[in-house]
Amino acid sequence: MARSGCCSLAIGAAGASDRHSSQHRSRGARERGLHKLSLSVFPHNEAGIALYREFKLVVEGRHLKQSRRSNGELWDLIDMGLLLTTE
């Protein structure tokens, strides 16, 4: 039977110690049998996208008009991911 799982990843300001901590969390996710980290981000969150790229996440796709805001606007979402396995 295949295992699957998910996890939450909190990424803050990226200092040297944060990068080390992120590598430690990725290793911990692998040890728990997770094969991938993924997230969705709004396209206008350029700082967030740049930070996620620093942590080696890549853009995997875009969902057009995916999120309805309280004012009725529809916003796109960008999917980003990091494959944790080398298979």
N, C-alpha and C. Protein backbone atom coordinates (compact mmCIF):
# COMPACT_ATOMS: atom_id res chain seq x y z
N MET A 1 0.85 -1.17 0.00
CA MET A 1 0.00 0.00 0.00
C MET A 1 0.89 1.24 0.00
N ALA A 2 0.61 2.18 -0.87
CA ALA A 2 1.40 3.40 -0.97
C ALA A 2 1.05 4.34 0.17
N ARG A 3 2.06 5.00 0.69
CA ARG A 3 1.85 5.99 1.74
C ARG A 3 1.73 7.36 1.12
N SER A 4 0.88 8.17 1.68
CA SER A 4 0.80 9.56 1.25
C SER A 4 0.69 10.41 2.49
N GLY A 5 1.01 11.66 2.35
CA GLY A 5 0.92 12.55 3.49
C GLY A 5 1.08 13.98 3.07
N CYS A 6 0.84 14.86 4.01
CA CYS A 6 1.01 16.27 3.74
C CYS A 6 1.62 16.91 4.97
N CYS A 7 2.12 18.11 4.80
CA CYS A 7 2.67 18.83 5.94
C CYS A 7 2.50 20.31 5.71
N SER A 8 2.61 21.08 6.77
CA SER A 8 2.59 22.53 6.69
C SER A 8 4.02 23.02 6.75
N LEU A 9 4.30 24.06 6.01
CA LEU A 9 5.64 24.63 5.98
C LEU A 9 5.52 26.12 6.21
N ALA A 10 6.13 26.60 7.26
CA ALA A 10 6.15 28.03 7.54
C ALA A 10 7.50 28.57 7.10
N ILE A 11 7.48 29.58 6.22
CA ILE A 11 8.72 30.18 5.75
C ILE A 11 8.66 31.66 6.10
N GLY A 12 9.66 32.11 6.83
CA GLY A 12 9.73 33.51 7.21
C GLY A 12 10.88 34.20 6.49
N ALA A 13 11.41 35.25 7.08
CA ALA A 13 12.54 35.96 6.50
C ALA A 13 13.72 35.01 6.35
N ALA A 14 14.39 35.10 5.22
CA ALA A 14 15.41 34.10 4.89
C ALA A 14 16.81 34.57 5.28
N GLY A 15 17.21 34.24 6.48
CA GLY A 15 18.59 34.45 6.91
C GLY A 15 19.32 33.13 6.80
N ALA A 16 20.61 33.14 7.08
CA ALA A 16 21.41 31.92 6.97
C ALA A 16 20.86 30.82 7.88
N SER A 17 20.49 31.16 9.11
CA SER A 17 19.97 30.14 10.03
C SER A 17 18.62 29.62 9.54
N ASP A 18 17.80 30.47 8.90
CA ASP A 18 16.51 30.03 8.37
C ASP A 18 16.71 29.03 7.25
N ARG A 19 17.71 29.25 6.41
CA ARG A 19 17.98 28.31 5.32
C ARG A 19 18.37 26.95 5.88
N HIS A 20 19.21 26.96 6.93
CA HIS A 20 19.61 25.70 7.56
C HIS A 20 18.38 25.03 8.16
N SER A 21 17.52 25.79 8.81
CA SER A 21 16.31 25.24 9.41
C SER A 21 15.39 24.66 8.34
N SER A 22 15.29 25.32 7.19
CA SER A 22 14.46 24.81 6.09
C SER A 22 15.00 23.49 5.58
N GLN A 23 16.32 23.37 5.46
CA GLN A 23 16.92 22.10 5.02
C GLN A 23 16.62 21.02 6.03
N HIS A 24 16.65 21.37 7.30
CA HIS A 24 16.34 20.40 8.36
C HIS A 24 14.88 19.95 8.26
N ARG A 25 13.94 20.90 8.01
CA ARG A 25 12.52 20.54 7.87
C ARG A 25 12.31 19.65 6.66
N SER A 26 13.00 19.94 5.54
CA SER A 26 12.86 19.10 4.35
C SER A 26 13.33 17.68 4.64
N ARG A 27 14.44 17.56 5.34
CA ARG A 27 14.95 16.24 5.70
C ARG A 27 13.95 15.53 6.61
N GLY A 28 13.38 16.26 7.58
CA GLY A 28 12.38 15.68 8.47
C GLY A 28 11.15 15.23 7.71
N ALA A 29 10.74 15.99 6.69
CA ALA A 29 9.59 15.60 5.87
C ALA A 29 9.89 14.30 5.13
N ARG A 30 11.10 14.18 4.61
CA ARG A 30 11.50 12.94 3.92
C ARG A 30 11.45 11.76 4.88
N GLU A 31 11.97 11.98 6.09
CA GLU A 31 12.00 10.90 7.09
C GLU A 31 10.60 10.45 7.47
N ARG A 32 9.62 11.33 7.32
CA ARG A 32 8.23 10.98 7.64
C ARG A 32 7.51 10.36 6.44
N GLY A 33 8.25 10.13 5.38
CA GLY A 33 7.67 9.48 4.21
C GLY A 33 7.01 10.41 3.23
N LEU A 34 7.15 11.72 3.41
CA LEU A 34 6.57 12.67 2.46
C LEU A 34 7.48 12.77 1.25
N HIS A 35 6.90 12.91 0.09
CA HIS A 35 7.71 12.98 -1.12
C HIS A 35 7.71 14.37 -1.74
N LYS A 36 6.84 15.27 -1.24
CA LYS A 36 6.73 16.57 -1.89
C LYS A 36 6.15 17.61 -0.94
N LEU A 37 6.65 18.84 -1.06
CA LEU A 37 6.06 20.00 -0.40
C LEU A 37 5.42 20.84 -1.49
N SER A 38 4.23 21.35 -1.23
CA SER A 38 3.58 22.19 -2.24
C SER A 38 2.79 23.30 -1.56
N LEU A 39 2.57 24.37 -2.30
CA LEU A 39 1.82 25.52 -1.79
C LEU A 39 1.19 26.26 -2.95
N SER A 40 0.26 27.13 -2.62
CA SER A 40 -0.34 28.04 -3.60
C SER A 40 -0.11 29.46 -3.13
N VAL A 41 0.11 30.36 -4.07
CA VAL A 41 0.43 31.75 -3.74
C VAL A 41 -0.25 32.65 -4.77
N PHE A 42 -0.67 33.84 -4.34
CA PHE A 42 -1.24 34.80 -5.28
C PHE A 42 -0.14 35.37 -6.17
N PRO A 43 -0.41 35.57 -7.45
CA PRO A 43 0.61 36.05 -8.39
C PRO A 43 1.21 37.41 -8.02
N HIS A 44 0.43 38.26 -7.37
CA HIS A 44 0.95 39.58 -7.02
C HIS A 44 1.86 39.55 -5.80
N ASN A 45 1.99 38.39 -5.15
CA ASN A 45 2.87 38.24 -3.99
C ASN A 45 4.29 37.93 -4.48
N GLU A 46 4.88 38.91 -5.14
CA GLU A 46 6.20 38.72 -5.75
C GLU A 46 7.28 38.41 -4.71
N ALA A 47 7.20 39.03 -3.55
CA ALA A 47 8.20 38.76 -2.51
C ALA A 47 8.08 37.32 -2.03
N GLY A 48 6.87 36.83 -1.87
CA GLY A 48 6.66 35.45 -1.45
C GLY A 48 7.18 34.48 -2.49
N ILE A 49 6.87 34.73 -3.75
CA ILE A 49 7.32 33.86 -4.84
C ILE A 49 8.86 33.82 -4.88
N ALA A 50 9.48 34.97 -4.74
CA ALA A 50 10.96 35.02 -4.74
C ALA A 50 11.52 34.24 -3.56
N LEU A 51 10.90 34.36 -2.40
CA LEU A 51 11.36 33.63 -1.22
C LEU A 51 11.20 32.13 -1.42
N TYR A 52 10.06 31.70 -1.95
CA TYR A 52 9.84 30.26 -2.18
C TYR A 52 10.86 29.72 -3.18
N ARG A 53 11.21 30.53 -4.18
CA ARG A 53 12.23 30.10 -5.15
C ARG A 53 13.59 29.94 -4.46
N GLU A 54 13.89 30.80 -3.49
CA GLU A 54 15.14 30.66 -2.73
C GLU A 54 15.20 29.31 -2.04
N PHE A 55 14.04 28.80 -1.64
CA PHE A 55 13.96 27.50 -0.98
C PHE A 55 13.75 26.37 -1.98
N LYS A 56 14.02 26.68 -3.27
CA LYS A 56 14.04 25.69 -4.36
C LYS A 56 12.66 25.19 -4.80
N LEU A 57 11.57 25.87 -4.38
CA LEU A 57 10.27 25.51 -4.92
C LEU A 57 10.18 26.04 -6.35
N VAL A 58 9.49 25.34 -7.22
CA VAL A 58 9.34 25.74 -8.61
C VAL A 58 7.86 25.92 -8.93
N VAL A 59 7.59 26.79 -9.89
CA VAL A 59 6.21 26.99 -10.34
C VAL A 59 5.77 25.76 -11.12
N GLU A 60 4.64 25.21 -10.73
CA GLU A 60 4.11 24.00 -11.37
C GLU A 60 2.84 24.26 -12.17
N GLY A 61 2.23 25.38 -11.94
CA GLY A 61 1.00 25.67 -12.68
C GLY A 61 0.29 26.90 -12.14
N ARG A 62 -0.77 27.25 -12.81
CA ARG A 62 -1.56 28.43 -12.44
C ARG A 62 -3.03 28.08 -12.57
N HIS A 63 -3.80 28.44 -11.56
CA HIS A 63 -5.26 28.26 -11.59
C HIS A 63 -5.89 29.63 -11.82
N LEU A 64 -6.52 29.78 -12.98
CA LEU A 64 -7.13 31.06 -13.32
C LEU A 64 -8.41 31.29 -12.53
N LYS A 65 -8.52 32.49 -11.97
CA LYS A 65 -9.72 32.90 -11.22
C LYS A 65 -10.15 31.84 -10.21
N GLN A 66 -9.22 31.36 -9.43
CA GLN A 66 -9.44 30.25 -8.49
C GLN A 66 -10.00 30.69 -7.15
N SER A 67 -9.64 31.88 -6.69
CA SER A 67 -10.01 32.31 -5.35
C SER A 67 -10.93 33.52 -5.41
N ARG A 68 -12.12 33.41 -4.80
CA ARG A 68 -13.05 34.54 -4.76
C ARG A 68 -12.81 35.33 -3.49
N ARG A 69 -12.52 36.60 -3.65
CA ARG A 69 -12.28 37.49 -2.52
C ARG A 69 -13.62 37.96 -1.95
N SER A 70 -13.60 38.54 -0.77
CA SER A 70 -14.83 38.98 -0.12
C SER A 70 -15.56 40.06 -0.92
N ASN A 71 -14.82 40.81 -1.75
CA ASN A 71 -15.44 41.85 -2.58
C ASN A 71 -15.94 41.30 -3.92
N GLY A 72 -15.83 39.99 -4.12
CA GLY A 72 -16.31 39.35 -5.34
C GLY A 72 -15.26 39.18 -6.43
N GLU A 73 -14.09 39.81 -6.28
CA GLU A 73 -13.04 39.65 -7.28
C GLU A 73 -12.55 38.20 -7.31
N LEU A 74 -12.18 37.74 -8.49
CA LEU A 74 -11.60 36.41 -8.65
C LEU A 74 -10.11 36.57 -8.92
N TRP A 75 -9.30 35.89 -8.11
CA TRP A 75 -7.85 35.98 -8.23
C TRP A 75 -7.29 34.64 -8.65
N ASP A 76 -6.22 34.71 -9.44
CA ASP A 76 -5.48 33.50 -9.83
C ASP A 76 -4.67 33.00 -8.63
N LEU A 77 -4.29 31.74 -8.70
CA LEU A 77 -3.35 31.14 -7.75
C LEU A 77 -2.24 30.46 -8.53
N ILE A 78 -1.02 30.60 -8.05
CA ILE A 78 0.14 29.91 -8.63
C ILE A 78 0.49 28.75 -7.71
N ASP A 79 0.61 27.55 -8.28
CA ASP A 79 1.06 26.38 -7.52
C ASP A 79 2.57 26.27 -7.61
N MET A 80 3.20 26.03 -6.46
CA MET A 80 4.65 25.83 -6.41
C MET A 80 4.92 24.55 -5.64
N GLY A 81 6.01 23.86 -5.97
CA GLY A 81 6.30 22.62 -5.28
C GLY A 81 7.79 22.33 -5.22
N LEU A 82 8.12 21.41 -4.31
CA LEU A 82 9.49 20.94 -4.14
C LEU A 82 9.43 19.44 -3.98
N LEU A 83 9.99 18.73 -4.95
CA LEU A 83 10.05 17.27 -4.89
C LEU A 83 11.15 16.87 -3.91
N LEU A 84 10.82 16.04 -2.94
CA LEU A 84 11.77 15.65 -1.89
C LEU A 84 12.49 14.36 -2.20
N THR A 85 12.00 13.60 -3.15
CA THR A 85 12.63 12.33 -3.51
C THR A 85 13.41 12.50 -4.80
N THR A 86 14.31 11.57 -5.05
CA THR A 86 15.10 11.61 -6.28
C THR A 86 14.67 10.52 -7.24
N GLU A 87 13.57 9.83 -6.94
CA GLU A 87 13.09 8.73 -7.77
C GLU A 87 12.50 9.24 -9.06
